[in-house]
Amino acid sequence: METVGVYKAKTHLPKLLERVKKGERIIISKHGIPIAVLQPFAPQEKSDAATVIMEIRRLREKCHLSGISIREMIDEGRR
């Protein structure tokens, strides 16, 4: 993975984007400190509704209020 400075990245952005389009990852640095990565875009896969609902239910099973009511939590947040 190549590292380029901010000035070079601004000056040669179209060329860098062509390289990224081919699969390369390029680090952009400012004064030698990495601040960003140019990398190919990878769209996230969408989950179907049934899978999302199942994951939410699994999460809810793990979370418990330990005897505290929602009203008590609201009142605690207002203090």
C-alpha atoms as a PDB file:
ATOM      1  CA  MET A   1       0.000   0.000   0.000  1.00  0.00           C
ATOM      2  CA  GLU A   2       1.512   3.298  -1.100  1.00  0.00           C
ATOM      3  CA  THR A   3       1.465   6.462   0.999  1.00  0.00           C
ATOM      4  CA  VAL A   4       1.113   9.862  -0.657  1.00  0.00           C
ATOM      5  CA  GLY A   5       1.091  13.337   0.810  1.00  0.00           C
ATOM      6  CA  VAL A   6      -1.948  15.600   0.753  1.00  0.00           C
ATOM      7  CA  TYR A   7      -0.460  17.894  -1.910  1.00  0.00           C
ATOM      8  CA  LYS A   8       0.308  14.980  -4.244  1.00  0.00           C
ATOM      9  CA  ALA A   9      -3.154  13.516  -3.581  1.00  0.00           C
ATOM     10  CA  LYS A  10      -4.823  16.829  -4.539  1.00  0.00           C
ATOM     11  CA  THR A  11      -2.618  17.269  -7.599  1.00  0.00           C
ATOM     12  CA  HIS A  12      -2.951  13.709  -8.892  1.00  0.00           C
ATOM     13  CA  LEU A  13      -6.404  12.731  -7.613  1.00  0.00           C
ATOM     14  CA  PRO A  14      -7.745  11.484 -10.992  1.00  0.00           C
ATOM     15  CA  LYS A  15      -4.707   9.193 -11.417  1.00  0.00           C
ATOM     16  CA  LEU A  16      -5.002   7.937  -7.844  1.00  0.00           C
ATOM     17  CA  LEU A  17      -8.710   7.227  -8.323  1.00  0.00           C
ATOM     18  CA  GLU A  18      -7.938   5.176 -11.442  1.00  0.00           C
ATOM     19  CA  ARG A  19      -5.501   3.084  -9.390  1.00  0.00           C
ATOM     20  CA  VAL A  20      -8.095   2.668  -6.640  1.00  0.00           C
ATOM     21  CA  LYS A  21     -10.651   1.630  -9.257  1.00  0.00           C
ATOM     22  CA  LYS A  22      -8.273  -1.220 -10.175  1.00  0.00           C
ATOM     23  CA  GLY A  23      -8.226  -2.410  -6.561  1.00  0.00           C
ATOM     24  CA  GLU A  24      -5.331  -0.549  -4.942  1.00  0.00           C
ATOM     25  CA  ARG A  25      -5.501   1.040  -1.501  1.00  0.00           C
ATOM     26  CA  ILE A  26      -3.613   4.312  -1.015  1.00  0.00           C
ATOM     27  CA  ILE A  27      -2.864   6.049   2.291  1.00  0.00           C
ATOM     28  CA  ILE A  28      -2.987   9.860   2.321  1.00  0.00           C
ATOM     29  CA  SER A  29      -0.737  11.475   4.890  1.00  0.00           C
ATOM     30  CA  LYS A  30      -0.227  14.985   6.215  1.00  0.00           C
ATOM     31  CA  HIS A  31       3.264  15.772   7.493  1.00  0.00           C
ATOM     32  CA  GLY A  32       4.001  12.038   7.472  1.00  0.00           C
ATOM     33  CA  ILE A  33       0.963  11.140   9.607  1.00  0.00           C
ATOM     34  CA  PRO A  34      -1.659   8.918   7.914  1.00  0.00           C
ATOM     35  CA  ILE A  35      -5.052  10.659   7.850  1.00  0.00           C
ATOM     36  CA  ALA A  36      -7.108   8.802   5.245  1.00  0.00           C
ATOM     37  CA  VAL A  37      -7.262   5.754   3.038  1.00  0.00           C
ATOM     38  CA  LEU A  38      -8.449   5.718  -0.563  1.00  0.00           C
ATOM     39  CA  GLN A  39      -9.869   2.291  -1.264  1.00  0.00           C
ATOM     40  CA  PRO A  40     -12.389   0.715  -3.617  1.00  0.00           C
ATOM     41  CA  PHE A  41     -16.008   1.168  -2.615  1.00  0.00           C
ATOM     42  CA  ALA A  42     -17.593  -2.025  -1.305  1.00  0.00           C
ATOM     43  CA  PRO A  43     -21.370  -1.730  -0.952  1.00  0.00           C
ATOM     44  CA  GLN A  44     -22.794  -3.426   2.112  1.00  0.00           C
ATOM     45  CA  GLU A  45     -25.070  -6.353   1.603  1.00  0.00           C
ATOM     46  CA  LYS A  46     -28.647  -5.667   2.583  1.00  0.00           C
ATOM     47  CA  SER A  47     -30.250  -8.002   5.095  1.00  0.00           C
ATOM     48  CA  ASP A  48     -33.773  -9.170   4.576  1.00  0.00           C
ATOM     49  CA  ALA A  49     -36.388  -8.036   7.097  1.00  0.00           C
ATOM     50  CA  ALA A  50     -36.760 -11.465   8.710  1.00  0.00           C
ATOM     51  CA  THR A  51     -33.027 -11.621   9.499  1.00  0.00           C
ATOM     52  CA  VAL A  52     -33.016  -8.125  11.002  1.00  0.00           C
ATOM     53  CA  ILE A  53     -36.031  -8.936  13.203  1.00  0.00           C
ATOM     54  CA  MET A  54     -34.365 -12.144  14.387  1.00  0.00           C
ATOM     55  CA  GLU A  55     -31.163 -10.239  15.267  1.00  0.00           C
ATOM     56  CA  ILE A  56     -33.143  -7.610  17.212  1.00  0.00           C
ATOM     57  CA  ARG A  57     -34.929 -10.336  19.181  1.00  0.00           C
ATOM     58  CA  ARG A  58     -31.611 -12.002  20.025  1.00  0.00           C
ATOM     59  CA  LEU A  59     -30.247  -8.656  21.224  1.00  0.00           C
ATOM     60  CA  ARG A  60     -33.325  -8.042  23.379  1.00  0.00           C
ATOM     61  CA  GLU A  61     -32.870 -11.438  25.053  1.00  0.00           C
ATOM     62  CA  LYS A  62     -29.367 -10.416  26.158  1.00  0.00           C
ATOM     63  CA  CYS A  63     -30.398  -7.015  27.585  1.00  0.00           C
ATOM     64  CA  HIS A  64     -32.183  -6.834  30.940  1.00  0.00           C
ATOM     65  CA  LEU A  65     -33.121  -3.834  33.067  1.00  0.00           C
ATOM     66  CA  SER A  66     -32.291  -5.694  36.321  1.00  0.00           C
ATOM     67  CA  GLY A  67     -35.478  -4.633  38.082  1.00  0.00           C
ATOM     68  CA  ILE A  68     -35.307  -0.972  37.073  1.00  0.00           C
ATOM     69  CA  SER A  69     -38.411   0.419  35.440  1.00  0.00           C
ATOM     70  CA  ILE A  70     -38.284   2.620  32.388  1.00  0.00           C
ATOM     71  CA  ARG A  71     -39.878   5.423  34.442  1.00  0.00           C
ATOM     72  CA  GLU A  72     -36.992   5.206  36.958  1.00  0.00           C
ATOM     73  CA  MET A  73     -34.476   5.384  34.115  1.00  0.00           C
ATOM     74  CA  ILE A  74     -36.205   8.469  32.678  1.00  0.00           C
ATOM     75  CA  ASP A  75     -36.284  10.152  36.087  1.00  0.00           C
ATOM     76  CA  GLU A  76     -32.594   9.328  36.624  1.00  0.00           C
ATOM     77  CA  GLY A  77     -31.714  10.950  33.293  1.00  0.00           C
ATOM     78  CA  ARG A  78     -33.522  14.160  34.235  1.00  0.00           C
ATOM     79  CA  ARG A  79     -31.452  14.799  37.355  1.00  0.00           C
END
